[in-house]
Amino acid sequence: MNPTPRNYLEILKRHSKCTPAIARKAGAIDPDTLDCSTDSETIHVRKMVNSVLSENHMMKAFVRLKPLGERVLFAYMKPEHDIWTMVGPFFARRFPGTVIVLGNASRSWAFLLDGREVRQSKGESLAKTLKELEGAMGTGGAENPEGLWDTYYWSQYRPEAKNTPYFRHNMPEKYAQRAGIRCETDSGGTKLEDFG
């Protein structure tokens, strides 16, 4: 079991059901107490923090970025908790000099690593933000995004890793849907949802 992070209160506030009253009570709890207390309210706070951390981990692992020109990568993401600014900087640092756009039909966030600082901007829908970026950067769609994805997929594919029970255990259906990966397939027609 991982210890509760020292900034657990910031993480707790990202939870979709965190109220000011819960945050106020949690502020009086020491991180070490949060790890080992048997008090029901403390356990509830610990579960809320772990829920946010778990979703953050799953989104970083399973969100699939797609190219829009040479300098923009975008992905569909619909998290339950407010983890946008936890996931986006991870991808911005992983792809320096590239604009990372994460979003869905109602909101989006854009991230860019500028030297050592990750700049971020909140926007409306993913489609609108991508259209604005296309206009501002003069980028059309990538010449062959499907080919790029196929090349990446097959470079990572290992037949021995096709362990359905293990995948179901580690990839709950709700995270697959929130990461927008329902329709990706290999050339044999196997969909990720076939594992779930």
N, C-alpha and C. Protein backbone atom coordinates (compact mmCIF):
# COMPACT_ATOMS: atom_id res chain seq x y z
N MET A 1 0.84 -1.17 0.00
CA MET A 1 0.00 0.00 0.00
C MET A 1 0.89 1.24 0.00
N ASN A 2 0.62 2.16 -0.93
CA ASN A 2 1.39 3.39 -1.01
C ASN A 2 0.93 4.36 0.08
N PRO A 3 1.88 5.10 0.65
CA PRO A 3 1.47 6.08 1.65
C PRO A 3 0.70 7.23 1.01
N THR A 4 -0.14 7.86 1.80
CA THR A 4 -0.90 9.00 1.32
C THR A 4 0.05 10.15 1.03
N PRO A 5 -0.08 10.79 -0.14
CA PRO A 5 0.80 11.92 -0.44
C PRO A 5 0.58 13.07 0.55
N ARG A 6 1.62 13.84 0.78
CA ARG A 6 1.53 14.98 1.70
C ARG A 6 0.54 16.03 1.21
N ASN A 7 0.36 16.13 -0.12
CA ASN A 7 -0.58 17.11 -0.68
C ASN A 7 -1.97 16.49 -0.89
N TYR A 8 -2.34 15.54 -0.04
CA TYR A 8 -3.60 14.81 -0.22
C TYR A 8 -4.82 15.73 -0.25
N LEU A 9 -4.75 16.87 0.42
CA LEU A 9 -5.89 17.78 0.46
C LEU A 9 -6.15 18.38 -0.93
N GLU A 10 -5.08 18.72 -1.65
CA GLU A 10 -5.23 19.21 -3.03
C GLU A 10 -5.84 18.13 -3.91
N ILE A 11 -5.42 16.90 -3.71
CA ILE A 11 -5.95 15.78 -4.50
C ILE A 11 -7.41 15.54 -4.14
N LEU A 12 -7.73 15.58 -2.87
CA LEU A 12 -9.11 15.38 -2.42
C LEU A 12 -10.06 16.40 -3.05
N LYS A 13 -9.63 17.65 -3.15
CA LYS A 13 -10.48 18.71 -3.71
C LYS A 13 -10.81 18.48 -5.18
N ARG A 14 -10.07 17.61 -5.85
CA ARG A 14 -10.34 17.29 -7.25
C ARG A 14 -11.46 16.25 -7.39
N HIS A 15 -11.81 15.59 -6.30
CA HIS A 15 -12.84 14.56 -6.33
C HIS A 15 -14.19 15.18 -6.68
N SER A 16 -14.96 14.52 -7.51
CA SER A 16 -16.24 15.07 -7.99
C SER A 16 -17.25 15.26 -6.87
N LYS A 17 -17.11 14.52 -5.76
CA LYS A 17 -18.07 14.62 -4.67
C LYS A 17 -17.49 15.27 -3.42
N CYS A 18 -16.37 15.97 -3.57
CA CYS A 18 -15.77 16.65 -2.42
C CYS A 18 -16.51 17.96 -2.18
N THR A 19 -17.03 18.09 -0.98
CA THR A 19 -17.74 19.31 -0.58
C THR A 19 -16.81 20.14 0.31
N PRO A 20 -17.12 21.42 0.50
CA PRO A 20 -16.31 22.22 1.43
C PRO A 20 -16.26 21.62 2.84
N ALA A 21 -17.36 21.00 3.26
CA ALA A 21 -17.39 20.39 4.60
C ALA A 21 -16.41 19.20 4.68
N ILE A 22 -16.38 18.37 3.65
CA ILE A 22 -15.45 17.23 3.64
C ILE A 22 -14.01 17.74 3.62
N ALA A 23 -13.74 18.76 2.80
CA ALA A 23 -12.39 19.31 2.71
C ALA A 23 -11.96 19.92 4.05
N ARG A 24 -12.88 20.57 4.72
CA ARG A 24 -12.57 21.18 6.02
C ARG A 24 -12.23 20.10 7.05
N LYS A 25 -13.03 19.04 7.10
CA LYS A 25 -12.74 17.94 8.04
C LYS A 25 -11.42 17.25 7.70
N ALA A 26 -11.19 17.07 6.40
CA ALA A 26 -9.97 16.38 5.97
C ALA A 26 -8.73 17.21 6.27
N GLY A 27 -8.87 18.54 6.29
CA GLY A 27 -7.74 19.41 6.58
C GLY A 27 -7.20 19.22 7.98
N ALA A 28 -8.01 18.69 8.87
CA ALA A 28 -7.59 18.47 10.26
C ALA A 28 -6.93 17.11 10.46
N ILE A 29 -6.89 16.31 9.39
CA ILE A 29 -6.32 14.96 9.49
C ILE A 29 -4.86 14.97 9.03
N ASP A 30 -3.99 14.42 9.83
CA ASP A 30 -2.59 14.28 9.49
C ASP A 30 -2.44 13.17 8.43
N PRO A 31 -1.54 13.31 7.43
CA PRO A 31 -1.38 12.27 6.40
C PRO A 31 -1.07 10.89 6.98
N ASP A 32 -0.29 10.84 8.05
CA ASP A 32 0.03 9.54 8.66
C ASP A 32 -1.21 8.91 9.28
N THR A 33 -2.06 9.75 9.87
CA THR A 33 -3.31 9.26 10.46
C THR A 33 -4.24 8.77 9.36
N LEU A 34 -4.24 9.47 8.24
CA LEU A 34 -5.10 9.10 7.10
C LEU A 34 -4.76 7.69 6.61
N ASP A 35 -3.49 7.32 6.69
CA ASP A 35 -3.06 6.01 6.21
C ASP A 35 -3.53 4.86 7.09
N CYS A 36 -3.63 5.08 8.40
CA CYS A 36 -3.87 3.93 9.28
C CYS A 36 -5.10 4.04 10.17
N SER A 37 -5.87 5.10 10.04
CA SER A 37 -7.03 5.27 10.91
C SER A 37 -8.15 4.31 10.54
N THR A 38 -8.92 3.91 11.54
CA THR A 38 -10.09 3.05 11.30
C THR A 38 -11.39 3.83 11.44
N ASP A 39 -11.29 5.14 11.65
CA ASP A 39 -12.46 6.01 11.73
C ASP A 39 -13.15 6.04 10.37
N SER A 40 -14.47 5.90 10.35
CA SER A 40 -15.20 5.79 9.08
C SER A 40 -15.06 7.04 8.21
N GLU A 41 -15.06 8.23 8.79
CA GLU A 41 -14.90 9.45 8.00
C GLU A 41 -13.51 9.53 7.40
N THR A 42 -12.51 9.14 8.15
CA THR A 42 -11.14 9.15 7.66
C THR A 42 -10.96 8.13 6.54
N ILE A 43 -11.57 6.97 6.69
CA ILE A 43 -11.51 5.95 5.64
C ILE A 43 -12.17 6.47 4.37
N HIS A 44 -13.29 7.17 4.52
CA HIS A 44 -13.99 7.74 3.36
C HIS A 44 -13.10 8.75 2.63
N VAL A 45 -12.42 9.60 3.38
CA VAL A 45 -11.50 10.57 2.78
C VAL A 45 -10.37 9.85 2.06
N ARG A 46 -9.81 8.81 2.69
CA ARG A 46 -8.73 8.04 2.07
C ARG A 46 -9.19 7.41 0.76
N LYS A 47 -10.42 6.87 0.74
CA LYS A 47 -10.96 6.27 -0.48
C LYS A 47 -11.15 7.31 -1.58
N MET A 48 -11.58 8.51 -1.20
CA MET A 48 -11.76 9.58 -2.18
C MET A 48 -10.42 9.99 -2.80
N VAL A 49 -9.40 10.13 -1.96
CA VAL A 49 -8.06 10.48 -2.46
C VAL A 49 -7.56 9.39 -3.39
N ASN A 50 -7.71 8.13 -2.99
CA ASN A 50 -7.25 7.02 -3.81
C ASN A 50 -8.02 6.92 -5.12
N SER A 51 -9.29 7.28 -5.12
CA SER A 51 -10.09 7.27 -6.34
C SER A 51 -9.55 8.27 -7.36
N VAL A 52 -9.19 9.46 -6.89
CA VAL A 52 -8.62 10.48 -7.78
C VAL A 52 -7.27 10.01 -8.31
N LEU A 53 -6.42 9.50 -7.43
CA LEU A 53 -5.10 9.02 -7.85
C LEU A 53 -5.20 7.87 -8.83
N SER A 54 -6.15 6.97 -8.61
CA SER A 54 -6.35 5.83 -9.50
C SER A 54 -6.79 6.29 -10.89
N GLU A 55 -7.75 7.22 -10.93
CA GLU A 55 -8.20 7.70 -12.24
C GLU A 55 -7.08 8.45 -12.96
N ASN A 56 -6.30 9.22 -12.23
CA ASN A 56 -5.16 9.91 -12.82
C ASN A 56 -4.20 8.90 -13.46
N HIS A 57 -3.89 7.85 -12.73
CA HIS A 57 -3.00 6.81 -13.24
C HIS A 57 -3.57 6.14 -14.49
N MET A 58 -4.86 5.80 -14.44
CA MET A 58 -5.49 5.13 -15.58
C MET A 58 -5.52 6.02 -16.82
N MET A 59 -5.81 7.29 -16.64
CA MET A 59 -5.86 8.19 -17.80
C MET A 59 -4.47 8.36 -18.42
N LYS A 60 -3.45 8.46 -17.60
CA LYS A 60 -2.09 8.57 -18.13
C LYS A 60 -1.71 7.31 -18.89
N ALA A 61 -2.20 6.18 -18.43
CA ALA A 61 -1.85 4.91 -19.06
C ALA A 61 -2.66 4.60 -20.32
N PHE A 62 -3.91 5.01 -20.37
CA PHE A 62 -4.77 4.53 -21.42
C PHE A 62 -5.31 5.58 -22.39
N VAL A 63 -5.09 6.86 -22.15
CA VAL A 63 -5.49 7.88 -23.12
C VAL A 63 -4.59 7.73 -24.34
N ARG A 64 -5.16 7.76 -25.52
CA ARG A 64 -4.42 7.60 -26.77
C ARG A 64 -4.38 8.93 -27.51
N LEU A 65 -3.18 9.47 -27.70
CA LEU A 65 -3.01 10.73 -28.40
C LEU A 65 -2.96 10.50 -29.90
N LYS A 66 -3.60 11.40 -30.64
CA LYS A 66 -3.63 11.33 -32.10
C LYS A 66 -3.04 12.62 -32.65
N PRO A 67 -2.35 12.56 -33.79
CA PRO A 67 -1.72 13.76 -34.33
C PRO A 67 -2.70 14.65 -35.09
N LEU A 68 -2.45 15.94 -35.00
CA LEU A 68 -3.12 16.95 -35.81
C LEU A 68 -1.99 17.82 -36.33
N GLY A 69 -1.50 17.51 -37.50
CA GLY A 69 -0.30 18.18 -38.00
C GLY A 69 0.92 17.64 -37.28
N GLU A 70 2.00 18.41 -37.31
CA GLU A 70 3.25 17.95 -36.71
C GLU A 70 3.44 18.39 -35.26
N ARG A 71 2.72 19.42 -34.83
CA ARG A 71 2.99 20.00 -33.51
C ARG A 71 1.83 19.89 -32.54
N VAL A 72 0.80 19.13 -32.88
CA VAL A 72 -0.37 19.01 -32.00
C VAL A 72 -0.72 17.54 -31.83
N LEU A 73 -0.93 17.11 -30.59
CA LEU A 73 -1.45 15.79 -30.28
C LEU A 73 -2.71 16.00 -29.46
N PHE A 74 -3.76 15.25 -29.78
CA PHE A 74 -5.02 15.42 -29.05
C PHE A 74 -5.59 14.08 -28.66
N ALA A 75 -6.48 14.10 -27.66
CA ALA A 75 -7.12 12.87 -27.21
C ALA A 75 -8.45 13.19 -26.55
N TYR A 76 -9.36 12.25 -26.68
CA TYR A 76 -10.65 12.32 -25.99
C TYR A 76 -10.43 11.86 -24.56
N MET A 77 -11.00 12.58 -23.62
CA MET A 77 -10.90 12.20 -22.22
C MET A 77 -12.12 12.76 -21.48
N LYS A 78 -12.78 11.92 -20.71
CA LYS A 78 -13.94 12.36 -19.94
C LYS A 78 -13.83 11.79 -18.53
N PRO A 79 -12.95 12.38 -17.72
CA PRO A 79 -12.75 11.84 -16.37
C PRO A 79 -13.92 12.17 -15.44
N GLU A 80 -14.06 11.34 -14.43
CA GLU A 80 -15.08 11.58 -13.40
C GLU A 80 -14.65 12.72 -12.48
N HIS A 81 -13.35 12.79 -12.19
CA HIS A 81 -12.81 13.79 -11.28
C HIS A 81 -12.07 14.87 -12.07
N ASP A 82 -11.72 15.96 -11.42
CA ASP A 82 -11.05 17.09 -12.06
C ASP A 82 -9.54 16.83 -12.11
N ILE A 83 -9.13 15.91 -12.98
CA ILE A 83 -7.72 15.53 -13.06
C ILE A 83 -7.04 16.09 -14.30
N TRP A 84 -7.70 16.98 -15.01
CA TRP A 84 -7.14 17.53 -16.26
C TRP A 84 -5.72 18.04 -16.07
N THR A 85 -5.51 18.84 -15.02
CA THR A 85 -4.20 19.45 -14.83
C THR A 85 -3.20 18.52 -14.14
N MET A 86 -3.59 17.28 -13.93
CA MET A 86 -2.65 16.26 -13.47
C MET A 86 -2.16 15.44 -14.68
N VAL A 87 -3.09 15.15 -15.60
CA VAL A 87 -2.78 14.32 -16.76
C VAL A 87 -2.07 15.12 -17.85
N GLY A 88 -2.58 16.32 -18.15
CA GLY A 88 -2.03 17.12 -19.24
C GLY A 88 -0.55 17.42 -19.12
N PRO A 89 -0.07 17.91 -17.97
CA PRO A 89 1.36 18.18 -17.84
C PRO A 89 2.24 16.94 -18.03
N PHE A 90 1.72 15.77 -17.66
CA PHE A 90 2.45 14.52 -17.87
C PHE A 90 2.75 14.34 -19.36
N PHE A 91 1.72 14.51 -20.21
CA PHE A 91 1.91 14.35 -21.66
C PHE A 91 2.74 15.50 -22.23
N ALA A 92 2.57 16.72 -21.71
CA ALA A 92 3.35 17.85 -22.21
C ALA A 92 4.84 17.64 -21.96
N ARG A 93 5.19 17.09 -20.80
CA ARG A 93 6.60 16.81 -20.51
C ARG A 93 7.11 15.63 -21.35
N ARG A 94 6.23 14.73 -21.67
CA ARG A 94 6.63 13.57 -22.46
C ARG A 94 6.87 13.94 -23.92
N PHE A 95 6.14 14.96 -24.40
CA PHE A 95 6.27 15.41 -25.79
C PHE A 95 6.59 16.91 -25.81
N PRO A 96 7.82 17.30 -25.42
CA PRO A 96 8.15 18.72 -25.35
C PRO A 96 8.04 19.39 -26.73
N GLY A 97 7.57 20.64 -26.73
CA GLY A 97 7.43 21.38 -27.97
C GLY A 97 6.17 21.04 -28.74
N THR A 98 5.33 20.17 -28.18
CA THR A 98 4.09 19.76 -28.83
C THR A 98 2.91 20.24 -27.99
N VAL A 99 1.90 20.76 -28.67
CA VAL A 99 0.69 21.17 -27.97
C VAL A 99 -0.13 19.92 -27.71
N ILE A 100 -0.48 19.68 -26.47
CA ILE A 100 -1.30 18.54 -26.07
C ILE A 100 -2.70 19.06 -25.78
N VAL A 101 -3.71 18.50 -26.44
CA VAL A 101 -5.09 18.92 -26.21
C VAL A 101 -5.88 17.70 -25.73
N LEU A 102 -6.48 17.82 -24.56
CA LEU A 102 -7.32 16.77 -24.00
C LEU A 102 -8.72 17.34 -23.85
N GLY A 103 -9.74 16.58 -24.22
CA GLY A 103 -11.07 17.12 -24.07
C GLY A 103 -12.17 16.17 -24.48
N ASN A 104 -13.38 16.71 -24.46
CA ASN A 104 -14.57 15.96 -24.86
C ASN A 104 -15.56 16.96 -25.45
N ALA A 105 -16.83 16.60 -25.51
CA ALA A 105 -17.83 17.46 -26.15
C ALA A 105 -18.13 18.73 -25.36
N SER A 106 -17.80 18.77 -24.07
CA SER A 106 -18.15 19.94 -23.28
C SER A 106 -16.97 20.80 -22.84
N ARG A 107 -15.76 20.27 -22.79
CA ARG A 107 -14.62 21.07 -22.36
C ARG A 107 -13.32 20.51 -22.90
N SER A 108 -12.29 21.33 -22.84
CA SER A 108 -10.97 20.88 -23.27
C SER A 108 -9.90 21.67 -22.53
N TRP A 109 -8.72 21.11 -22.52
CA TRP A 109 -7.55 21.76 -21.95
C TRP A 109 -6.40 21.60 -22.93
N ALA A 110 -5.60 22.65 -23.10
CA ALA A 110 -4.40 22.58 -23.95
C ALA A 110 -3.18 22.79 -23.06
N PHE A 111 -2.12 22.05 -23.33
CA PHE A 111 -0.90 22.10 -22.52
C PHE A 111 0.31 22.18 -23.46
N LEU A 112 1.32 22.94 -23.04
CA LEU A 112 2.56 23.07 -23.80
C LEU A 112 3.71 23.27 -22.83
N LEU A 113 4.75 22.46 -22.99
CA LEU A 113 5.95 22.64 -22.17
C LEU A 113 6.77 23.75 -22.80
N ASP A 114 6.93 24.85 -22.06
CA ASP A 114 7.66 26.02 -22.52
C ASP A 114 8.90 26.15 -21.64
N GLY A 115 10.00 25.57 -22.08
CA GLY A 115 11.20 25.53 -21.24
C GLY A 115 11.00 24.53 -20.13
N ARG A 116 10.87 25.02 -18.89
CA ARG A 116 10.63 24.12 -17.76
C ARG A 116 9.21 24.21 -17.24
N GLU A 117 8.46 25.20 -17.72
CA GLU A 117 7.10 25.43 -17.24
C GLU A 117 6.07 24.88 -18.22
N VAL A 118 5.05 24.23 -17.69
CA VAL A 118 3.96 23.75 -18.53
C VAL A 118 2.87 24.82 -18.54
N ARG A 119 2.62 25.37 -19.71
CA ARG A 119 1.55 26.36 -19.85
C ARG A 119 0.26 25.61 -20.16
N GLN A 120 -0.85 26.12 -19.62
CA GLN A 120 -2.13 25.44 -19.84
C GLN A 120 -3.23 26.44 -20.11
N SER A 121 -4.22 25.98 -20.84
CA SER A 121 -5.34 26.84 -21.21
C SER A 121 -6.61 26.00 -21.27
N LYS A 122 -7.66 26.51 -20.64
CA LYS A 122 -8.94 25.81 -20.63
C LYS A 122 -9.79 26.33 -21.79
N GLY A 123 -10.50 25.42 -22.45
CA GLY A 123 -11.33 25.82 -23.58
C GLY A 123 -12.68 25.16 -23.56
N GLU A 124 -13.41 25.37 -24.64
CA GLU A 124 -14.74 24.75 -24.76
C GLU A 124 -14.55 23.32 -25.24
N SER A 125 -15.32 22.89 -26.21
CA SER A 125 -15.27 21.50 -26.65
C SER A 125 -13.95 21.16 -27.34
N LEU A 126 -13.63 19.89 -27.38
CA LEU A 126 -12.41 19.42 -28.04
C LEU A 126 -12.43 19.81 -29.51
N ALA A 127 -13.58 19.61 -30.18
CA ALA A 127 -13.68 19.92 -31.60
C ALA A 127 -13.42 21.41 -31.86
N LYS A 128 -13.98 22.28 -31.04
CA LYS A 128 -13.79 23.72 -31.22
C LYS A 128 -12.34 24.12 -30.99
N THR A 129 -11.73 23.58 -29.95
CA THR A 129 -10.33 23.90 -29.67
C THR A 129 -9.42 23.43 -30.80
N LEU A 130 -9.68 22.24 -31.33
CA LEU A 130 -8.86 21.73 -32.43
C LEU A 130 -9.03 22.59 -33.68
N LYS A 131 -10.25 23.03 -33.94
CA LYS A 131 -10.51 23.89 -35.10
C LYS A 131 -9.77 25.22 -34.95
N GLU A 132 -9.78 25.79 -33.73
CA GLU A 132 -9.05 27.04 -33.47
C GLU A 132 -7.55 26.83 -33.65
N LEU A 133 -7.02 25.70 -33.19
CA LEU A 133 -5.60 25.41 -33.36
C LEU A 133 -5.24 25.23 -34.82
N GLU A 134 -6.11 24.56 -35.57
CA GLU A 134 -5.87 24.39 -37.00
C GLU A 134 -5.73 25.75 -37.68
N GLY A 135 -6.65 26.66 -37.35
CA GLY A 135 -6.60 27.99 -37.94
C GLY A 135 -5.37 28.78 -37.51
N ALA A 136 -5.04 28.72 -36.23
CA ALA A 136 -3.93 29.50 -35.70
C ALA A 136 -2.57 28.97 -36.16
N MET A 137 -2.45 27.66 -36.26
CA MET A 137 -1.15 27.06 -36.60
C MET A 137 -1.04 26.68 -38.06
N GLY A 138 -2.16 26.78 -38.79
CA GLY A 138 -2.12 26.40 -40.20
C GLY A 138 -1.90 24.92 -40.40
N THR A 139 -2.34 24.12 -39.44
CA THR A 139 -2.15 22.67 -39.56
C THR A 139 -3.38 22.04 -40.14
N GLY A 140 -3.17 21.17 -41.08
CA GLY A 140 -4.26 20.34 -41.56
C GLY A 140 -4.19 19.06 -40.78
N GLY A 141 -5.05 18.11 -41.09
CA GLY A 141 -4.95 16.82 -40.43
C GLY A 141 -3.63 16.17 -40.79
N ALA A 142 -3.16 15.27 -40.00
CA ALA A 142 -1.92 14.56 -40.32
C ALA A 142 -2.11 13.84 -41.63
N GLU A 143 -1.04 13.70 -42.39
CA GLU A 143 -1.17 13.10 -43.71
C GLU A 143 -1.74 11.70 -43.65
N ASN A 144 -1.30 10.91 -42.70
CA ASN A 144 -1.81 9.55 -42.59
C ASN A 144 -1.83 9.14 -41.12
N PRO A 145 -2.79 9.67 -40.35
CA PRO A 145 -2.79 9.33 -38.92
C PRO A 145 -3.06 7.85 -38.66
N GLU A 146 -3.85 7.21 -39.52
CA GLU A 146 -4.13 5.79 -39.32
C GLU A 146 -2.87 4.96 -39.51
N GLY A 147 -2.08 5.32 -40.50
CA GLY A 147 -0.82 4.62 -40.74
C GLY A 147 0.15 4.81 -39.59
N LEU A 148 0.19 6.02 -39.06
CA LEU A 148 1.05 6.31 -37.92
C LEU A 148 0.64 5.46 -36.72
N TRP A 149 -0.69 5.38 -36.47
CA TRP A 149 -1.18 4.58 -35.36
C TRP A 149 -0.85 3.10 -35.57
N ASP A 150 -1.05 2.58 -36.79
CA ASP A 150 -0.74 1.17 -37.06
C ASP A 150 0.73 0.87 -36.81
N THR A 151 1.59 1.77 -37.26
CA THR A 151 3.03 1.57 -37.05
C THR A 151 3.35 1.52 -35.56
N TYR A 152 2.78 2.47 -34.80
CA TYR A 152 3.01 2.48 -33.36
C TYR A 152 2.44 1.22 -32.72
N TYR A 153 1.20 0.86 -33.07
CA TYR A 153 0.54 -0.29 -32.45
C TYR A 153 1.38 -1.55 -32.65
N TRP A 154 1.79 -1.80 -33.87
CA TRP A 154 2.51 -3.04 -34.14
C TRP A 154 3.92 -3.02 -33.57
N SER A 155 4.49 -1.84 -33.35
CA SER A 155 5.81 -1.79 -32.73
C SER A 155 5.71 -2.14 -31.24
N GLN A 156 4.53 -1.96 -30.64
CA GLN A 156 4.33 -2.24 -29.22
C GLN A 156 3.67 -3.60 -28.97
N TYR A 157 3.12 -4.21 -30.01
CA TYR A 157 2.31 -5.42 -29.86
C TYR A 157 3.17 -6.63 -29.56
N ARG A 158 2.76 -7.39 -28.55
CA ARG A 158 3.40 -8.66 -28.22
C ARG A 158 2.29 -9.69 -28.04
N PRO A 159 2.22 -10.70 -28.89
CA PRO A 159 1.13 -11.69 -28.78
C PRO A 159 1.06 -12.33 -27.40
N GLU A 160 2.21 -12.54 -26.74
CA GLU A 160 2.19 -13.19 -25.43
C GLU A 160 1.56 -12.31 -24.36
N ALA A 161 1.38 -11.02 -24.66
CA ALA A 161 0.78 -10.11 -23.68
C ALA A 161 -0.75 -10.10 -23.77
N LYS A 162 -1.31 -10.91 -24.63
CA LYS A 162 -2.76 -10.93 -24.82
C LYS A 162 -3.39 -11.79 -23.73
N ASN A 163 -3.44 -11.27 -22.52
CA ASN A 163 -3.92 -11.98 -21.35
C ASN A 163 -5.24 -11.32 -20.93
N THR A 164 -6.35 -11.84 -21.41
CA THR A 164 -7.66 -11.23 -21.19
C THR A 164 -8.01 -11.06 -19.71
N PRO A 165 -7.88 -12.06 -18.86
CA PRO A 165 -8.22 -11.85 -17.45
C PRO A 165 -7.38 -10.76 -16.79
N TYR A 166 -6.10 -10.71 -17.13
CA TYR A 166 -5.23 -9.68 -16.56
C TYR A 166 -5.67 -8.30 -17.04
N PHE A 167 -6.01 -8.19 -18.32
CA PHE A 167 -6.47 -6.91 -18.86
C PHE A 167 -7.75 -6.47 -18.16
N ARG A 168 -8.70 -7.36 -18.01
CA ARG A 168 -9.97 -7.00 -17.35
C ARG A 168 -9.75 -6.56 -15.92
N HIS A 169 -8.79 -7.20 -15.25
CA HIS A 169 -8.50 -6.84 -13.87
C HIS A 169 -7.90 -5.43 -13.77
N ASN A 170 -7.01 -5.10 -14.69
CA ASN A 170 -6.29 -3.83 -14.63
C ASN A 170 -6.92 -2.70 -15.43
N MET A 171 -7.91 -2.99 -16.25
CA MET A 171 -8.53 -1.96 -17.07
C MET A 171 -10.04 -2.02 -16.93
N PRO A 172 -10.57 -1.47 -15.84
CA PRO A 172 -12.02 -1.46 -15.67
C PRO A 172 -12.71 -0.75 -16.84
N GLU A 173 -13.87 -1.22 -17.22
CA GLU A 173 -14.61 -0.70 -18.37
C GLU A 173 -14.83 0.81 -18.28
N LYS A 174 -15.08 1.33 -17.08
CA LYS A 174 -15.35 2.76 -16.96
C LYS A 174 -14.15 3.58 -17.41
N TYR A 175 -12.92 3.10 -17.17
CA TYR A 175 -11.74 3.84 -17.60
C TYR A 175 -11.54 3.73 -19.10
N ALA A 176 -11.87 2.58 -19.66
CA ALA A 176 -11.77 2.44 -21.11
C ALA A 176 -12.70 3.43 -21.80
N GLN A 177 -13.92 3.56 -21.29
CA GLN A 177 -14.87 4.50 -21.89
C GLN A 177 -14.41 5.93 -21.69
N ARG A 178 -13.92 6.29 -20.52
CA ARG A 178 -13.50 7.67 -20.26
C ARG A 178 -12.26 8.05 -21.05
N ALA A 179 -11.44 7.06 -21.38
CA ALA A 179 -10.25 7.33 -22.19
C ALA A 179 -10.57 7.30 -23.67
N GLY A 180 -11.80 6.94 -24.03
CA GLY A 180 -12.23 6.97 -25.43
C GLY A 180 -11.53 5.96 -26.30
N ILE A 181 -11.26 4.75 -25.79
CA ILE A 181 -10.52 3.77 -26.57
C ILE A 181 -11.37 2.58 -27.00
N ARG A 182 -12.66 2.80 -27.16
CA ARG A 182 -13.54 1.70 -27.51
C ARG A 182 -13.36 1.18 -28.93
N CYS A 183 -12.90 2.02 -29.85
CA CYS A 183 -12.93 1.61 -31.26
C CYS A 183 -11.57 1.24 -31.84
N GLU A 184 -10.50 1.24 -31.07
CA GLU A 184 -9.19 0.90 -31.61
C GLU A 184 -9.10 -0.61 -31.84
N THR A 185 -8.53 -1.01 -32.95
CA THR A 185 -8.42 -2.43 -33.26
C THR A 185 -7.05 -2.75 -33.82
N ASP A 186 -6.72 -4.04 -33.77
CA ASP A 186 -5.53 -4.48 -34.49
C ASP A 186 -5.99 -4.96 -35.87
N SER A 187 -5.06 -5.39 -36.71
CA SER A 187 -5.45 -5.76 -38.07
C SER A 187 -6.29 -7.03 -38.11
N GLY A 188 -6.31 -7.80 -37.03
CA GLY A 188 -7.13 -9.00 -36.98
C GLY A 188 -8.56 -8.70 -36.57
N GLY A 189 -8.89 -7.44 -36.34
CA GLY A 189 -10.25 -7.07 -35.97
C GLY A 189 -10.51 -7.14 -34.47
N THR A 190 -9.49 -7.40 -33.66
CA THR A 190 -9.67 -7.45 -32.22
C THR A 190 -9.79 -6.05 -31.68
N LYS A 191 -10.86 -5.77 -30.95
CA LYS A 191 -11.05 -4.45 -30.36
C LYS A 191 -10.66 -4.51 -28.90
N LEU A 192 -10.25 -3.36 -28.37
CA LEU A 192 -9.91 -3.33 -26.95
C LEU A 192 -11.12 -3.69 -26.10
N GLU A 193 -12.32 -3.36 -26.58
CA GLU A 193 -13.52 -3.70 -25.82
C GLU A 193 -13.76 -5.21 -25.78
N ASP A 194 -13.14 -5.97 -26.70
CA ASP A 194 -13.24 -7.43 -26.66
C ASP A 194 -12.57 -7.99 -25.40
N PHE A 195 -11.60 -7.24 -24.86
CA PHE A 195 -10.94 -7.67 -23.65
C PHE A 195 -11.75 -7.34 -22.42
N GLY A 196 -12.58 -6.28 -22.50
CA GLY A 196 -13.27 -5.75 -21.33
C GLY A 196 -14.54 -6.37 -21.02
